[in-house]
Amino acid sequence: MFDDFKAFIMRGNVLDLAVAVIIGGAFGKIVTSLVNDLVMPPVGLLLGNVDFSNLFVSLSGVEYVSLAEAQKAGAATLNYGLFINAVVNFVIIAFAIFLVVRAANRVQALNAKPAADATTRECPQCLSTVPLKAARCAHCTSALQPV
């Protein structure tokens, strides 16, 4: 059982997945900082000094000055500002992944070998493979149209 587990773990795709998860977590922290520290403050300034991380609705009916104060009091809140930040995070991460996949596809297309010219074709009668220049099918002797 240990040998099977060791073989499973040492597969290339499992190791690649582990690396991807670790790099993805680190990348997520960078994007979160980008959104919270660089993108949302100017957007909030443009919208009249709005701090998106502090936008919430108190469900208890009591007014609180900040989200931290409401959470400290244990009040139930709808934190729509944090949701907006999460949506912006998602859009930035999705766009970054799109750019990486697009670049990888371009590199893969550049490295792809061109398709070799066909040297055979199918007989329309018996569907067997015949040389491209054949005038008759070797299997069913049907006359073939010239190419």
N, C-alpha and C. Protein backbone atom coordinates (compact mmCIF):
# COMPACT_ATOMS: atom_id res chain seq x y z
N MET A 1 0.83 -1.18 0.00
CA MET A 1 0.00 0.00 0.00
C MET A 1 0.88 1.26 0.00
N PHE A 2 1.97 1.23 0.77
CA PHE A 2 2.88 2.37 0.81
C PHE A 2 3.51 2.63 -0.55
N ASP A 3 3.88 1.54 -1.26
CA ASP A 3 4.49 1.69 -2.58
C ASP A 3 3.49 2.31 -3.57
N ASP A 4 2.23 1.90 -3.49
CA ASP A 4 1.20 2.48 -4.36
C ASP A 4 1.03 3.96 -4.08
N PHE A 5 1.01 4.32 -2.79
CA PHE A 5 0.87 5.73 -2.40
C PHE A 5 2.07 6.53 -2.90
N LYS A 6 3.27 5.97 -2.74
CA LYS A 6 4.49 6.64 -3.18
C LYS A 6 4.46 6.85 -4.70
N ALA A 7 4.02 5.84 -5.44
CA ALA A 7 3.92 5.97 -6.90
C ALA A 7 2.89 7.04 -7.29
N PHE A 8 1.79 7.10 -6.55
CA PHE A 8 0.76 8.10 -6.82
C PHE A 8 1.30 9.51 -6.58
N ILE A 9 1.97 9.71 -5.48
CA ILE A 9 2.49 11.03 -5.12
C ILE A 9 3.58 11.47 -6.10
N MET A 10 4.38 10.54 -6.57
CA MET A 10 5.51 10.90 -7.43
C MET A 10 5.12 11.09 -8.89
N ARG A 11 3.86 10.89 -9.21
CA ARG A 11 3.42 11.16 -10.58
C ARG A 11 3.63 12.63 -10.89
N GLY A 12 3.92 12.93 -12.11
CA GLY A 12 4.17 14.31 -12.51
C GLY A 12 2.98 15.23 -12.32
N ASN A 13 1.78 14.75 -12.65
CA ASN A 13 0.62 15.64 -12.56
C ASN A 13 0.26 15.96 -11.11
N VAL A 14 0.51 15.08 -10.18
CA VAL A 14 0.23 15.37 -8.77
C VAL A 14 1.19 16.43 -8.26
N LEU A 15 2.45 16.30 -8.61
CA LEU A 15 3.44 17.30 -8.20
C LEU A 15 3.14 18.65 -8.85
N ASP A 16 2.76 18.63 -10.12
CA ASP A 16 2.39 19.88 -10.80
C ASP A 16 1.21 20.55 -10.12
N LEU A 17 0.24 19.76 -9.72
CA LEU A 17 -0.94 20.29 -9.04
C LEU A 17 -0.55 20.91 -7.70
N ALA A 18 0.33 20.24 -6.97
CA ALA A 18 0.76 20.78 -5.68
C ALA A 18 1.48 22.11 -5.86
N VAL A 19 2.35 22.19 -6.84
CA VAL A 19 3.05 23.45 -7.11
C VAL A 19 2.05 24.52 -7.53
N ALA A 20 1.08 24.17 -8.35
CA ALA A 20 0.08 25.14 -8.82
C ALA A 20 -0.74 25.69 -7.66
N VAL A 21 -1.10 24.84 -6.71
CA VAL A 21 -1.87 25.29 -5.56
C VAL A 21 -1.06 26.26 -4.71
N ILE A 22 0.21 25.96 -4.49
CA ILE A 22 1.07 26.83 -3.69
C ILE A 22 1.28 28.17 -4.39
N ILE A 23 1.60 28.13 -5.67
CA ILE A 23 1.81 29.36 -6.43
C ILE A 23 0.49 30.14 -6.52
N GLY A 24 -0.61 29.45 -6.69
CA GLY A 24 -1.91 30.10 -6.76
C GLY A 24 -2.26 30.83 -5.46
N GLY A 25 -1.94 30.21 -4.33
CA GLY A 25 -2.18 30.86 -3.04
C GLY A 25 -1.36 32.12 -2.88
N ALA A 26 -0.10 32.04 -3.27
CA ALA A 26 0.77 33.23 -3.20
C ALA A 26 0.29 34.31 -4.16
N PHE A 27 -0.11 33.90 -5.35
CA PHE A 27 -0.61 34.86 -6.35
C PHE A 27 -1.90 35.50 -5.85
N GLY A 28 -2.75 34.73 -5.19
CA GLY A 28 -3.99 35.28 -4.63
C GLY A 28 -3.72 36.36 -3.60
N LYS A 29 -2.69 36.16 -2.77
CA LYS A 29 -2.33 37.18 -1.77
C LYS A 29 -1.85 38.46 -2.45
N ILE A 30 -1.08 38.30 -3.53
CA ILE A 30 -0.59 39.48 -4.25
C ILE A 30 -1.76 40.23 -4.87
N VAL A 31 -2.68 39.51 -5.48
CA VAL A 31 -3.84 40.17 -6.10
C VAL A 31 -4.72 40.82 -5.05
N THR A 32 -4.92 40.16 -3.91
CA THR A 32 -5.70 40.76 -2.83
C THR A 32 -5.07 42.07 -2.37
N SER A 33 -3.77 42.09 -2.23
CA SER A 33 -3.08 43.32 -1.85
C SER A 33 -3.22 44.37 -2.95
N LEU A 34 -3.09 43.95 -4.20
CA LEU A 34 -3.26 44.88 -5.31
C LEU A 34 -4.64 45.54 -5.27
N VAL A 35 -5.66 44.73 -5.07
CA VAL A 35 -7.03 45.27 -5.04
C VAL A 35 -7.25 46.15 -3.82
N ASN A 36 -6.92 45.63 -2.63
CA ASN A 36 -7.20 46.37 -1.40
C ASN A 36 -6.33 47.60 -1.22
N ASP A 37 -5.08 47.53 -1.67
CA ASP A 37 -4.13 48.60 -1.38
C ASP A 37 -3.91 49.57 -2.54
N LEU A 38 -4.13 49.13 -3.78
CA LEU A 38 -3.85 50.00 -4.91
C LEU A 38 -5.06 50.34 -5.78
N VAL A 39 -5.97 49.39 -5.98
CA VAL A 39 -7.11 49.63 -6.88
C VAL A 39 -8.27 50.29 -6.16
N MET A 40 -8.70 49.72 -5.04
CA MET A 40 -9.92 50.21 -4.39
C MET A 40 -9.78 51.59 -3.75
N PRO A 41 -8.63 51.99 -3.18
CA PRO A 41 -8.56 53.35 -2.62
C PRO A 41 -8.82 54.46 -3.65
N PRO A 42 -8.21 54.42 -4.86
CA PRO A 42 -8.56 55.46 -5.83
C PRO A 42 -10.02 55.39 -6.30
N VAL A 43 -10.55 54.17 -6.44
CA VAL A 43 -11.96 54.03 -6.82
C VAL A 43 -12.85 54.62 -5.73
N GLY A 44 -12.52 54.34 -4.48
CA GLY A 44 -13.28 54.91 -3.36
C GLY A 44 -13.17 56.42 -3.33
N LEU A 45 -11.99 56.97 -3.65
CA LEU A 45 -11.80 58.41 -3.68
C LEU A 45 -12.64 59.04 -4.78
N LEU A 46 -12.67 58.39 -5.94
CA LEU A 46 -13.48 58.90 -7.06
C LEU A 46 -14.97 58.88 -6.72
N LEU A 47 -15.38 57.95 -5.88
CA LEU A 47 -16.80 57.84 -5.51
C LEU A 47 -17.12 58.61 -4.24
N GLY A 48 -16.22 59.49 -3.81
CA GLY A 48 -16.52 60.33 -2.66
C GLY A 48 -16.00 59.79 -1.35
N ASN A 49 -14.73 59.38 -1.30
CA ASN A 49 -14.09 58.87 -0.09
C ASN A 49 -14.80 57.66 0.50
N VAL A 50 -15.16 56.72 -0.33
CA VAL A 50 -15.82 55.49 0.13
C VAL A 50 -14.76 54.43 0.38
N ASP A 51 -14.78 53.85 1.58
CA ASP A 51 -13.92 52.71 1.90
C ASP A 51 -14.75 51.45 1.70
N PHE A 52 -14.50 50.73 0.62
CA PHE A 52 -15.34 49.58 0.28
C PHE A 52 -15.30 48.51 1.35
N SER A 53 -14.17 48.34 2.02
CA SER A 53 -14.09 47.30 3.04
C SER A 53 -14.92 47.65 4.26
N ASN A 54 -15.39 48.88 4.34
CA ASN A 54 -16.19 49.30 5.50
C ASN A 54 -17.66 49.52 5.14
N LEU A 55 -18.08 49.03 3.98
CA LEU A 55 -19.49 49.14 3.59
C LEU A 55 -20.24 47.91 4.09
N PHE A 56 -21.27 48.14 4.87
CA PHE A 56 -22.04 47.03 5.44
C PHE A 56 -23.43 47.53 5.83
N VAL A 57 -24.32 46.59 6.05
CA VAL A 57 -25.66 46.88 6.56
C VAL A 57 -25.83 46.08 7.84
N SER A 58 -26.19 46.76 8.90
CA SER A 58 -26.42 46.08 10.17
C SER A 58 -27.83 45.49 10.15
N LEU A 59 -27.93 44.20 10.38
CA LEU A 59 -29.23 43.53 10.38
C LEU A 59 -29.94 43.63 11.73
N SER A 60 -29.21 44.07 12.74
CA SER A 60 -29.82 44.16 14.07
C SER A 60 -30.57 45.48 14.27
N GLY A 61 -30.44 46.42 13.33
CA GLY A 61 -31.13 47.70 13.45
C GLY A 61 -30.33 48.75 14.20
N VAL A 62 -29.24 48.38 14.81
CA VAL A 62 -28.39 49.32 15.55
C VAL A 62 -27.36 49.88 14.58
N GLU A 63 -27.13 51.19 14.64
CA GLU A 63 -26.13 51.85 13.79
C GLU A 63 -24.74 51.68 14.38
N TYR A 64 -23.78 51.32 13.54
CA TYR A 64 -22.38 51.19 13.95
C TYR A 64 -21.55 52.07 13.03
N VAL A 65 -20.49 52.65 13.57
CA VAL A 65 -19.63 53.54 12.80
C VAL A 65 -18.79 52.77 11.79
N SER A 66 -18.32 51.61 12.19
CA SER A 66 -17.46 50.82 11.30
C SER A 66 -17.84 49.35 11.38
N LEU A 67 -17.37 48.61 10.40
CA LEU A 67 -17.59 47.17 10.38
C LEU A 67 -16.90 46.50 11.56
N ALA A 68 -15.71 46.97 11.89
CA ALA A 68 -14.98 46.40 13.03
C ALA A 68 -15.77 46.56 14.32
N GLU A 69 -16.41 47.73 14.48
CA GLU A 69 -17.22 47.97 15.68
C GLU A 69 -18.44 47.05 15.71
N ALA A 70 -19.07 46.85 14.57
CA ALA A 70 -20.24 45.96 14.50
C ALA A 70 -19.83 44.53 14.79
N GLN A 71 -18.70 44.10 14.26
CA GLN A 71 -18.24 42.73 14.49
C GLN A 71 -17.82 42.54 15.95
N LYS A 72 -17.24 43.59 16.53
CA LYS A 72 -16.85 43.51 17.94
C LYS A 72 -18.07 43.36 18.83
N ALA A 73 -19.18 44.03 18.44
CA ALA A 73 -20.41 43.94 19.21
C ALA A 73 -21.17 42.64 18.92
N GLY A 74 -20.71 41.88 17.93
CA GLY A 74 -21.37 40.61 17.59
C GLY A 74 -22.64 40.79 16.78
N ALA A 75 -22.78 41.93 16.12
CA ALA A 75 -23.99 42.20 15.33
C ALA A 75 -23.94 41.45 14.01
N ALA A 76 -25.10 41.02 13.55
CA ALA A 76 -25.22 40.39 12.24
C ALA A 76 -25.17 41.48 11.18
N THR A 77 -24.29 41.31 10.19
CA THR A 77 -24.11 42.33 9.16
C THR A 77 -24.05 41.70 7.78
N LEU A 78 -24.48 42.48 6.78
CA LEU A 78 -24.27 42.13 5.38
C LEU A 78 -23.09 42.95 4.91
N ASN A 79 -21.98 42.31 4.63
CA ASN A 79 -20.74 43.00 4.30
C ASN A 79 -20.59 43.13 2.78
N TYR A 80 -21.39 43.98 2.16
CA TYR A 80 -21.37 44.08 0.71
C TYR A 80 -20.10 44.75 0.19
N GLY A 81 -19.43 45.55 0.99
CA GLY A 81 -18.16 46.14 0.57
C GLY A 81 -17.07 45.09 0.42
N LEU A 82 -17.02 44.15 1.34
CA LEU A 82 -16.05 43.05 1.24
C LEU A 82 -16.37 42.17 0.03
N PHE A 83 -17.67 42.03 -0.26
CA PHE A 83 -18.09 41.26 -1.43
C PHE A 83 -17.62 41.95 -2.71
N ILE A 84 -17.74 43.28 -2.77
CA ILE A 84 -17.27 44.02 -3.95
C ILE A 84 -15.77 43.81 -4.12
N ASN A 85 -15.02 43.87 -3.03
CA ASN A 85 -13.58 43.62 -3.10
C ASN A 85 -13.29 42.21 -3.62
N ALA A 86 -14.05 41.23 -3.16
CA ALA A 86 -13.84 39.85 -3.61
C ALA A 86 -14.14 39.70 -5.10
N VAL A 87 -15.17 40.39 -5.59
CA VAL A 87 -15.51 40.32 -7.01
C VAL A 87 -14.39 40.95 -7.85
N VAL A 88 -13.86 42.08 -7.39
CA VAL A 88 -12.75 42.71 -8.11
C VAL A 88 -11.53 41.80 -8.10
N ASN A 89 -11.25 41.16 -6.96
CA ASN A 89 -10.16 40.18 -6.89
C ASN A 89 -10.34 39.08 -7.93
N PHE A 90 -11.54 38.53 -7.99
CA PHE A 90 -11.84 37.45 -8.93
C PHE A 90 -11.62 37.89 -10.37
N VAL A 91 -12.10 39.08 -10.72
CA VAL A 91 -11.97 39.56 -12.09
C VAL A 91 -10.49 39.73 -12.45
N ILE A 92 -9.70 40.28 -11.54
CA ILE A 92 -8.27 40.46 -11.81
C ILE A 92 -7.57 39.11 -11.96
N ILE A 93 -7.86 38.17 -11.07
CA ILE A 93 -7.24 36.84 -11.15
C ILE A 93 -7.68 36.13 -12.44
N ALA A 94 -8.96 36.22 -12.78
CA ALA A 94 -9.45 35.58 -14.01
C ALA A 94 -8.76 36.17 -15.23
N PHE A 95 -8.58 37.50 -15.25
CA PHE A 95 -7.92 38.14 -16.39
C PHE A 95 -6.45 37.72 -16.47
N ALA A 96 -5.78 37.63 -15.33
CA ALA A 96 -4.38 37.20 -15.31
C ALA A 96 -4.25 35.76 -15.81
N ILE A 97 -5.14 34.89 -15.37
CA ILE A 97 -5.12 33.50 -15.83
C ILE A 97 -5.41 33.43 -17.32
N PHE A 98 -6.35 34.25 -17.80
CA PHE A 98 -6.64 34.31 -19.23
C PHE A 98 -5.39 34.67 -20.02
N LEU A 99 -4.64 35.68 -19.54
CA LEU A 99 -3.43 36.10 -20.24
C LEU A 99 -2.38 34.99 -20.25
N VAL A 100 -2.22 34.28 -19.13
CA VAL A 100 -1.25 33.19 -19.07
C VAL A 100 -1.64 32.05 -20.01
N VAL A 101 -2.91 31.66 -20.00
CA VAL A 101 -3.38 30.58 -20.88
C VAL A 101 -3.25 30.99 -22.35
N ARG A 102 -3.58 32.23 -22.64
CA ARG A 102 -3.47 32.72 -24.01
C ARG A 102 -2.01 32.67 -24.48
N ALA A 103 -1.07 33.11 -23.64
CA ALA A 103 0.34 33.06 -23.98
C ALA A 103 0.81 31.62 -24.16
N ALA A 104 0.37 30.73 -23.27
CA ALA A 104 0.75 29.31 -23.38
C ALA A 104 0.22 28.71 -24.67
N ASN A 105 -1.00 29.05 -25.06
CA ASN A 105 -1.56 28.54 -26.30
C ASN A 105 -0.78 29.04 -27.51
N ARG A 106 -0.33 30.30 -27.46
CA ARG A 106 0.47 30.84 -28.57
C ARG A 106 1.81 30.11 -28.68
N VAL A 107 2.45 29.87 -27.54
CA VAL A 107 3.73 29.15 -27.55
C VAL A 107 3.52 27.73 -28.06
N GLN A 108 2.46 27.10 -27.63
CA GLN A 108 2.16 25.74 -28.07
C GLN A 108 1.89 25.72 -29.57
N ALA A 109 1.20 26.73 -30.09
CA ALA A 109 0.92 26.79 -31.53
C ALA A 109 2.20 27.01 -32.32
N LEU A 110 3.14 27.78 -31.78
CA LEU A 110 4.42 28.00 -32.46
C LEU A 110 5.26 26.72 -32.51
N ASN A 111 5.15 25.90 -31.46
CA ASN A 111 5.93 24.67 -31.39
C ASN A 111 5.26 23.49 -32.07
N ALA A 112 4.02 23.65 -32.49
CA ALA A 112 3.30 22.55 -33.12
C ALA A 112 3.89 22.25 -34.49
N LYS A 113 4.01 20.99 -34.82
CA LYS A 113 4.53 20.59 -36.11
C LYS A 113 3.41 20.72 -37.15
N PRO A 114 3.74 21.22 -38.33
CA PRO A 114 2.71 21.31 -39.36
C PRO A 114 2.25 19.91 -39.78
N ALA A 115 1.01 19.80 -40.13
CA ALA A 115 0.46 18.51 -40.54
C ALA A 115 1.11 18.07 -41.85
N ALA A 116 1.48 16.81 -41.91
CA ALA A 116 2.08 16.26 -43.13
C ALA A 116 1.01 16.13 -44.20
N ASP A 117 1.41 16.32 -45.45
CA ASP A 117 0.47 16.16 -46.55
C ASP A 117 -0.02 14.71 -46.58
N ALA A 118 -1.28 14.55 -46.90
CA ALA A 118 -1.87 13.22 -46.94
C ALA A 118 -1.29 12.42 -48.10
N THR A 119 -1.00 11.16 -47.85
CA THR A 119 -0.50 10.27 -48.90
C THR A 119 -1.51 9.18 -49.22
N THR A 120 -2.58 9.13 -48.42
CA THR A 120 -3.63 8.14 -48.65
C THR A 120 -5.00 8.81 -48.58
N ARG A 121 -6.01 8.08 -49.02
CA ARG A 121 -7.40 8.52 -48.91
C ARG A 121 -8.27 7.29 -48.72
N GLU A 122 -9.55 7.51 -48.44
CA GLU A 122 -10.48 6.39 -48.25
C GLU A 122 -11.22 6.11 -49.54
N CYS A 123 -11.44 4.84 -49.81
CA CYS A 123 -12.28 4.43 -50.94
C CYS A 123 -13.73 4.75 -50.58
N PRO A 124 -14.48 5.44 -51.43
CA PRO A 124 -15.86 5.79 -51.10
C PRO A 124 -16.79 4.57 -51.04
N GLN A 125 -16.38 3.45 -51.63
CA GLN A 125 -17.23 2.26 -51.64
C GLN A 125 -17.01 1.37 -50.42
N CYS A 126 -15.76 1.04 -50.14
CA CYS A 126 -15.49 0.09 -49.06
C CYS A 126 -14.81 0.73 -47.85
N LEU A 127 -14.49 2.00 -47.95
CA LEU A 127 -13.86 2.79 -46.87
C LEU A 127 -12.50 2.27 -46.45
N SER A 128 -11.84 1.52 -47.31
CA SER A 128 -10.48 1.09 -47.00
C SER A 128 -9.51 2.19 -47.45
N THR A 129 -8.31 2.13 -46.93
CA THR A 129 -7.30 3.13 -47.23
C THR A 129 -6.58 2.75 -48.52
N VAL A 130 -6.48 3.71 -49.43
CA VAL A 130 -5.80 3.49 -50.70
C VAL A 130 -4.82 4.63 -50.93
N PRO A 131 -3.75 4.40 -51.71
CA PRO A 131 -2.82 5.49 -52.01
C PRO A 131 -3.55 6.64 -52.71
N LEU A 132 -3.05 7.83 -52.52
CA LEU A 132 -3.68 9.03 -53.06
C LEU A 132 -3.76 8.99 -54.58
N LYS A 133 -2.74 8.45 -55.25
CA LYS A 133 -2.70 8.45 -56.72
C LYS A 133 -3.37 7.23 -57.34
N ALA A 134 -3.96 6.35 -56.53
CA ALA A 134 -4.56 5.12 -57.07
C ALA A 134 -5.78 5.46 -57.94
N ALA A 135 -5.92 4.69 -59.06
CA ALA A 135 -7.08 4.85 -59.95
C ALA A 135 -8.16 3.84 -59.61
N ARG A 136 -7.78 2.74 -58.95
CA ARG A 136 -8.73 1.70 -58.52
C ARG A 136 -8.40 1.30 -57.10
N CYS A 137 -9.43 0.91 -56.37
CA CYS A 137 -9.26 0.42 -55.01
C CYS A 137 -8.73 -1.00 -55.07
N ALA A 138 -7.67 -1.27 -54.32
CA ALA A 138 -7.07 -2.60 -54.32
C ALA A 138 -7.95 -3.62 -53.61
N HIS A 139 -8.91 -3.16 -52.79
CA HIS A 139 -9.74 -4.07 -52.01
C HIS A 139 -11.03 -4.44 -52.73
N CYS A 140 -11.71 -3.43 -53.29
CA CYS A 140 -13.00 -3.71 -53.93
C CYS A 140 -12.98 -3.47 -55.43
N THR A 141 -11.88 -3.05 -55.97
CA THR A 141 -11.62 -2.75 -57.39
C THR A 141 -12.54 -1.66 -57.94
N SER A 142 -13.09 -0.82 -57.12
CA SER A 142 -13.93 0.30 -57.61
C SER A 142 -13.02 1.32 -58.28
N ALA A 143 -13.53 1.96 -59.30
CA ALA A 143 -12.80 3.04 -59.96
C ALA A 143 -12.86 4.25 -59.04
N LEU A 144 -11.71 4.92 -58.90
CA LEU A 144 -11.62 6.08 -58.03
C LEU A 144 -11.44 7.34 -58.87
N GLN A 145 -12.00 8.43 -58.38
CA GLN A 145 -11.85 9.71 -59.06
C GLN A 145 -10.42 10.19 -58.89
N PRO A 146 -9.80 10.74 -59.95
CA PRO A 146 -8.44 11.26 -59.79
C PRO A 146 -8.40 12.46 -58.87
N VAL A 147 -7.28 12.59 -58.19
CA VAL A 147 -7.13 13.71 -57.24
C VAL A 147 -6.38 14.84 -57.89
